[in-house]
Amino acid sequence: MLPKIKNLLKDLSLTRETFWNIHEETGEFLNLLIVSQKHKTVLEIGTSNGYSGIWLAEALSHTKGHLHTIESNLKKRFPLATENFKKSGLSKYITQILGHAPEAIPASPHKFDLAFFDATKYEHILYWNTLKNRINKGGAIIADNIISHKKDLKDFTKEIQKDKSFTTIILPLGTGLLIAIKN
């Protein structure tokens, strides 16, 4: 990882509580997963200030892939993410989408290698229902905050774990990750 990107991530990590950023270990895990699995199409729901998107796009710069990231907050988070993506030098690997998921999920690409949910918790089931058939075999849906927001995500967790076309695991990284791999 380029020093410029490392330094930016370090600076942005200080805003974790303000912008609900993922933990550094979660970013490292997602980055490693994308590179090791050679993922090319990634969807992020919940851009915030762009911290997690930088982790994702940095990995995609190695796989020649692309990140589609959705944010609904026009006044603060969307423009801040745009600025941070420019600072990272990774903008060419990122398409920002202003809108409310799941309505704003792009029609193209039709299939994703990875979908990362880090947005409004009570809507996770909507994201899941919209995307479960749009994940490539061997691809994954990953949800953050699965331990820290266990009560809020209980129905989502039950729904995803009963789907036999996915194998799921919960990892105690950061605030907890639910990982569902498409069989």
C-alpha atoms as a PDB file:
ATOM      1  CA  MET A   1       0.000   0.000   0.000  1.00  0.00           C
ATOM      2  CA  LEU A   2       1.330   3.404  -0.955  1.00  0.00           C
ATOM      3  CA  PRO A   3       2.448   5.625   1.961  1.00  0.00           C
ATOM      4  CA  LYS A   4      -0.003   8.332   0.806  1.00  0.00           C
ATOM      5  CA  ILE A   5      -2.925   5.921   1.223  1.00  0.00           C
ATOM      6  CA  LYS A   6      -1.623   4.547   4.544  1.00  0.00           C
ATOM      7  CA  ASN A   7      -1.329   8.075   5.934  1.00  0.00           C
ATOM      8  CA  LEU A   8      -4.800   9.033   4.740  1.00  0.00           C
ATOM      9  CA  LEU A   9      -6.294   5.907   6.313  1.00  0.00           C
ATOM     10  CA  LYS A  10      -4.450   6.677   9.549  1.00  0.00           C
ATOM     11  CA  ASP A  11      -5.886  10.223   9.573  1.00  0.00           C
ATOM     12  CA  LEU A  12      -9.399   8.999   8.742  1.00  0.00           C
ATOM     13  CA  SER A  13      -9.258   6.323  11.446  1.00  0.00           C
ATOM     14  CA  LEU A  14      -9.382   9.179  13.958  1.00  0.00           C
ATOM     15  CA  THR A  15     -12.897   9.997  12.692  1.00  0.00           C
ATOM     16  CA  ARG A  16     -14.227   6.487  13.325  1.00  0.00           C
ATOM     17  CA  GLU A  17     -16.754   7.447  15.978  1.00  0.00           C
ATOM     18  CA  THR A  18     -18.005  10.540  14.123  1.00  0.00           C
ATOM     19  CA  PHE A  19     -18.500   8.726  10.798  1.00  0.00           C
ATOM     20  CA  TRP A  20     -19.095   5.172  12.074  1.00  0.00           C
ATOM     21  CA  ASN A  21     -16.016   3.916  10.224  1.00  0.00           C
ATOM     22  CA  ILE A  22     -15.033   0.284  10.308  1.00  0.00           C
ATOM     23  CA  HIS A  23     -12.105  -0.772  12.492  1.00  0.00           C
ATOM     24  CA  GLU A  24      -8.663  -0.947  10.903  1.00  0.00           C
ATOM     25  CA  GLU A  25      -8.550  -4.743  11.290  1.00  0.00           C
ATOM     26  CA  THR A  26     -11.835  -4.978   9.361  1.00  0.00           C
ATOM     27  CA  GLY A  27     -10.357  -2.845   6.578  1.00  0.00           C
ATOM     28  CA  GLU A  28      -7.253  -5.038   6.461  1.00  0.00           C
ATOM     29  CA  PHE A  29      -9.409  -8.170   6.306  1.00  0.00           C
ATOM     30  CA  LEU A  30     -11.610  -6.857   3.480  1.00  0.00           C
ATOM     31  CA  ASN A  31      -8.542  -5.686   1.555  1.00  0.00           C
ATOM     32  CA  LEU A  32      -6.845  -9.076   1.911  1.00  0.00           C
ATOM     33  CA  LEU A  33     -10.027 -10.940   0.966  1.00  0.00           C
ATOM     34  CA  ILE A  34     -10.471  -8.953  -2.256  1.00  0.00           C
ATOM     35  CA  VAL A  35      -6.844  -9.404  -3.299  1.00  0.00           C
ATOM     36  CA  SER A  36      -6.613 -13.093  -2.373  1.00  0.00           C
ATOM     37  CA  GLN A  37      -9.916 -13.977  -4.071  1.00  0.00           C
ATOM     38  CA  LYS A  38      -9.174 -11.700  -7.046  1.00  0.00           C
ATOM     39  CA  HIS A  39     -12.546  -9.990  -6.709  1.00  0.00           C
ATOM     40  CA  LYS A  40     -13.319  -7.442  -9.416  1.00  0.00           C
ATOM     41  CA  THR A  41     -16.853  -6.193  -8.730  1.00  0.00           C
ATOM     42  CA  VAL A  42     -17.590  -4.861  -5.263  1.00  0.00           C
ATOM     43  CA  LEU A  43     -20.643  -3.048  -3.926  1.00  0.00           C
ATOM     44  CA  GLU A  44     -20.552  -1.088  -0.678  1.00  0.00           C
ATOM     45  CA  ILE A  45     -23.745   0.107   0.969  1.00  0.00           C
ATOM     46  CA  GLY A  46     -22.879   2.977   3.306  1.00  0.00           C
ATOM     47  CA  THR A  47     -19.943   5.053   2.032  1.00  0.00           C
ATOM     48  CA  SER A  48     -19.877   7.557   4.906  1.00  0.00           C
ATOM     49  CA  ASN A  49     -16.614   9.541   4.636  1.00  0.00           C
ATOM     50  CA  GLY A  50     -14.974   6.957   2.363  1.00  0.00           C
ATOM     51  CA  TYR A  51     -12.736   5.190   4.896  1.00  0.00           C
ATOM     52  CA  SER A  52     -13.902   1.650   4.122  1.00  0.00           C
ATOM     53  CA  GLY A  53     -14.173   2.490   0.432  1.00  0.00           C
ATOM     54  CA  ILE A  54     -10.479   3.358   0.365  1.00  0.00           C
ATOM     55  CA  TRP A  55      -9.627  -0.049   1.855  1.00  0.00           C
ATOM     56  CA  LEU A  56     -11.836  -1.724  -0.777  1.00  0.00           C
ATOM     57  CA  ALA A  57     -10.617   0.360  -3.734  1.00  0.00           C
ATOM     58  CA  GLU A  58      -6.967  -0.068  -2.779  1.00  0.00           C
ATOM     59  CA  ALA A  59      -7.433  -3.831  -3.045  1.00  0.00           C
ATOM     60  CA  LEU A  60      -9.341  -3.451  -6.315  1.00  0.00           C
ATOM     61  CA  SER A  61      -6.440  -1.442  -7.750  1.00  0.00           C
ATOM     62  CA  HIS A  62      -4.453  -4.705  -7.581  1.00  0.00           C
ATOM     63  CA  THR A  63      -7.168  -6.887  -9.148  1.00  0.00           C
ATOM     64  CA  LYS A  64      -8.109  -4.295 -11.794  1.00  0.00           C
ATOM     65  CA  GLY A  65     -11.590  -4.240 -10.302  1.00  0.00           C
ATOM     66  CA  HIS A  66     -14.125  -1.565  -9.446  1.00  0.00           C
ATOM     67  CA  LEU A  67     -16.051  -0.386  -6.390  1.00  0.00           C
ATOM     68  CA  HIS A  68     -19.632   0.875  -6.531  1.00  0.00           C
ATOM     69  CA  THR A  69     -20.437   2.642  -3.269  1.00  0.00           C
ATOM     70  CA  ILE A  70     -23.795   4.050  -2.175  1.00  0.00           C
ATOM     71  CA  GLU A  71     -24.336   6.959   0.217  1.00  0.00           C
ATOM     72  CA  SER A  72     -27.581   8.805   0.928  1.00  0.00           C
ATOM     73  CA  ASN A  73     -26.224  11.801   2.863  1.00  0.00           C
ATOM     74  CA  LEU A  74     -25.664  14.556   0.282  1.00  0.00           C
ATOM     75  CA  LYS A  75     -24.867  17.411   2.651  1.00  0.00           C
ATOM     76  CA  LYS A  76     -21.841  16.011   4.466  1.00  0.00           C
ATOM     77  CA  ARG A  77     -20.801  12.390   3.912  1.00  0.00           C
ATOM     78  CA  PHE A  78     -21.075  12.094   0.111  1.00  0.00           C
ATOM     79  CA  PRO A  79     -18.895  15.166  -0.670  1.00  0.00           C
ATOM     80  CA  LEU A  80     -16.446  14.250   2.102  1.00  0.00           C
ATOM     81  CA  ALA A  81     -16.044  10.774   0.594  1.00  0.00           C
ATOM     82  CA  THR A  82     -15.493  12.330  -2.850  1.00  0.00           C
ATOM     83  CA  GLU A  83     -12.723  14.482  -1.391  1.00  0.00           C
ATOM     84  CA  ASN A  84     -11.118  11.539   0.436  1.00  0.00           C
ATOM     85  CA  PHE A  85     -11.255   9.334  -2.662  1.00  0.00           C
ATOM     86  CA  LYS A  86      -9.457  12.065  -4.622  1.00  0.00           C
ATOM     87  CA  LYS A  87      -6.807  12.379  -1.889  1.00  0.00           C
ATOM     88  CA  SER A  88      -6.237   8.619  -2.026  1.00  0.00           C
ATOM     89  CA  GLY A  89      -5.621   8.648  -5.776  1.00  0.00           C
ATOM     90  CA  LEU A  90      -8.072   5.753  -6.146  1.00  0.00           C
ATOM     91  CA  SER A  91     -11.014   7.594  -7.735  1.00  0.00           C
ATOM     92  CA  LYS A  92     -10.649   5.735 -11.043  1.00  0.00           C
ATOM     93  CA  TYR A  93     -11.547   2.498  -9.226  1.00  0.00           C
ATOM     94  CA  ILE A  94     -14.652   3.992  -7.600  1.00  0.00           C
ATOM     95  CA  THR A  95     -18.155   4.908  -8.742  1.00  0.00           C
ATOM     96  CA  GLN A  96     -20.009   6.882  -6.103  1.00  0.00           C
ATOM     97  CA  ILE A  97     -23.765   6.612  -6.094  1.00  0.00           C
ATOM     98  CA  LEU A  98     -25.907   9.158  -4.302  1.00  0.00           C
ATOM     99  CA  GLY A  99     -29.102   7.521  -3.211  1.00  0.00           C
ATOM    100  CA  HIS A 100     -30.910   5.220  -0.853  1.00  0.00           C
ATOM    101  CA  ALA A 101     -30.195   1.514  -1.017  1.00  0.00           C
ATOM    102  CA  PRO A 102     -31.679  -0.782  -2.143  1.00  0.00           C
ATOM    103  CA  GLU A 103     -33.269   1.455  -4.794  1.00  0.00           C
ATOM    104  CA  ALA A 104     -29.877   2.930  -5.737  1.00  0.00           C
ATOM    105  CA  ILE A 105     -28.139  -0.396  -6.330  1.00  0.00           C
ATOM    106  CA  PRO A 106     -26.900  -0.196  -9.906  1.00  0.00           C
ATOM    107  CA  ALA A 107     -28.292  -2.533 -12.576  1.00  0.00           C
ATOM    108  CA  SER A 108     -24.775  -2.913 -13.970  1.00  0.00           C
ATOM    109  CA  PRO A 109     -22.772  -4.874 -13.160  1.00  0.00           C
ATOM    110  CA  HIS A 110     -25.493  -7.439 -12.785  1.00  0.00           C
ATOM    111  CA  LYS A 111     -23.366  -9.684 -10.541  1.00  0.00           C
ATOM    112  CA  PHE A 112     -20.955  -8.759  -7.749  1.00  0.00           C
ATOM    113  CA  ASP A 113     -18.058 -10.667  -6.236  1.00  0.00           C
ATOM    114  CA  LEU A 114     -18.580  -8.928  -2.907  1.00  0.00           C
ATOM    115  CA  ALA A 115     -21.288  -6.815  -1.301  1.00  0.00           C
ATOM    116  CA  PHE A 116     -20.420  -5.030   1.947  1.00  0.00           C
ATOM    117  CA  PHE A 117     -23.283  -3.812   4.142  1.00  0.00           C
ATOM    118  CA  ASP A 118     -22.468  -1.011   6.566  1.00  0.00           C
ATOM    119  CA  ALA A 119     -25.557   1.184   6.590  1.00  0.00           C
ATOM    120  CA  THR A 120     -28.984   1.427   8.209  1.00  0.00           C
ATOM    121  CA  LYS A 121     -29.293  -1.799  10.184  1.00  0.00           C
ATOM    122  CA  TYR A 122     -33.058  -2.305   9.943  1.00  0.00           C
ATOM    123  CA  GLU A 123     -32.755  -2.265   6.125  1.00  0.00           C
ATOM    124  CA  HIS A 124     -30.209  -5.105   5.890  1.00  0.00           C
ATOM    125  CA  ILE A 125     -32.940  -7.609   4.990  1.00  0.00           C
ATOM    126  CA  LEU A 126     -33.927  -5.358   2.057  1.00  0.00           C
ATOM    127  CA  TYR A 127     -30.293  -5.245   0.879  1.00  0.00           C
ATOM    128  CA  TRP A 128     -30.059  -9.023   1.286  1.00  0.00           C
ATOM    129  CA  ASN A 129     -33.244  -9.708  -0.688  1.00  0.00           C
ATOM    130  CA  THR A 130     -32.093  -7.384  -3.463  1.00  0.00           C
ATOM    131  CA  LEU A 131     -28.573  -8.798  -3.725  1.00  0.00           C
ATOM    132  CA  LYS A 132     -28.575 -12.486  -2.755  1.00  0.00           C
ATOM    133  CA  ASN A 133     -29.152 -13.568  -6.367  1.00  0.00           C
ATOM    134  CA  ARG A 134     -26.643 -11.046  -7.712  1.00  0.00           C
ATOM    135  CA  ILE A 135     -23.577 -12.515  -6.006  1.00  0.00           C
ATOM    136  CA  ASN A 136     -21.222 -14.642  -8.088  1.00  0.00           C
ATOM    137  CA  LYS A 137     -20.547 -18.209  -6.974  1.00  0.00           C
ATOM    138  CA  GLY A 138     -17.685 -18.047  -4.474  1.00  0.00           C
ATOM    139  CA  GLY A 139     -18.483 -14.398  -3.840  1.00  0.00           C
ATOM    140  CA  ALA A 140     -19.661 -12.997  -0.527  1.00  0.00           C
ATOM    141  CA  ILE A 141     -22.021 -10.734   1.289  1.00  0.00           C
ATOM    142  CA  ILE A 142     -20.396  -9.242   4.377  1.00  0.00           C
ATOM    143  CA  ALA A 143     -22.235  -7.254   7.039  1.00  0.00           C
ATOM    144  CA  ASP A 144     -20.430  -5.116   9.614  1.00  0.00           C
ATOM    145  CA  ASN A 145     -21.590  -4.529  13.218  1.00  0.00           C
ATOM    146  CA  ILE A 146     -23.038  -8.035  13.530  1.00  0.00           C
ATOM    147  CA  ILE A 147     -21.894  -8.279  17.169  1.00  0.00           C
ATOM    148  CA  SER A 148     -22.184  -4.636  18.271  1.00  0.00           C
ATOM    149  CA  HIS A 149     -25.709  -4.376  16.814  1.00  0.00           C
ATOM    150  CA  LYS A 150     -26.698  -8.001  17.419  1.00  0.00           C
ATOM    151  CA  LYS A 151     -30.241  -7.131  18.545  1.00  0.00           C
ATOM    152  CA  ASP A 152     -30.868  -4.819  15.564  1.00  0.00           C
ATOM    153  CA  LEU A 153     -29.515  -7.421  13.120  1.00  0.00           C
ATOM    154  CA  LYS A 154     -31.109 -10.526  14.690  1.00  0.00           C
ATOM    155  CA  ASP A 155     -33.778 -11.002  11.987  1.00  0.00           C
ATOM    156  CA  PHE A 156     -31.261 -10.345   9.202  1.00  0.00           C
ATOM    157  CA  THR A 157     -28.841 -12.863  10.710  1.00  0.00           C
ATOM    158  CA  LYS A 158     -31.561 -15.538  10.967  1.00  0.00           C
ATOM    159  CA  GLU A 159     -32.693 -14.879   7.394  1.00  0.00           C
ATOM    160  CA  ILE A 160     -29.234 -15.141   5.893  1.00  0.00           C
ATOM    161  CA  GLN A 161     -28.227 -18.205   7.943  1.00  0.00           C
ATOM    162  CA  LYS A 162     -31.253 -20.214   6.783  1.00  0.00           C
ATOM    163  CA  ASP A 163     -30.434 -19.667   3.089  1.00  0.00           C
ATOM    164  CA  LYS A 164     -28.756 -22.916   1.969  1.00  0.00           C
ATOM    165  CA  SER A 165     -27.186 -21.269  -1.087  1.00  0.00           C
ATOM    166  CA  PHE A 166     -24.796 -19.447   1.281  1.00  0.00           C
ATOM    167  CA  THR A 167     -22.378 -20.656   3.935  1.00  0.00           C
ATOM    168  CA  THR A 168     -22.160 -18.195   6.819  1.00  0.00           C
ATOM    169  CA  ILE A 169     -19.765 -17.450   9.626  1.00  0.00           C
ATOM    170  CA  ILE A 170     -19.525 -14.687  12.191  1.00  0.00           C
ATOM    171  CA  LEU A 171     -16.037 -13.358  12.902  1.00  0.00           C
ATOM    172  CA  PRO A 172     -15.174 -11.220  15.935  1.00  0.00           C
ATOM    173  CA  LEU A 173     -13.235  -8.635  13.911  1.00  0.00           C
ATOM    174  CA  GLY A 174     -13.879  -4.994  14.799  1.00  0.00           C
ATOM    175  CA  THR A 175     -17.569  -4.762  15.697  1.00  0.00           C
ATOM    176  CA  GLY A 176     -18.230  -8.209  14.229  1.00  0.00           C
ATOM    177  CA  LEU A 177     -18.556  -9.414  10.653  1.00  0.00           C
ATOM    178  CA  LEU A 178     -21.126 -11.772   9.222  1.00  0.00           C
ATOM    179  CA  ILE A 179     -19.658 -13.401   6.134  1.00  0.00           C
ATOM    180  CA  ALA A 180     -21.915 -15.314   3.763  1.00  0.00           C
ATOM    181  CA  ILE A 181     -20.164 -17.105   0.898  1.00  0.00           C
ATOM    182  CA  LYS A 182     -22.258 -18.063  -2.155  1.00  0.00           C
ATOM    183  CA  ASN A 183     -22.089 -21.848  -2.703  1.00  0.00           C
END
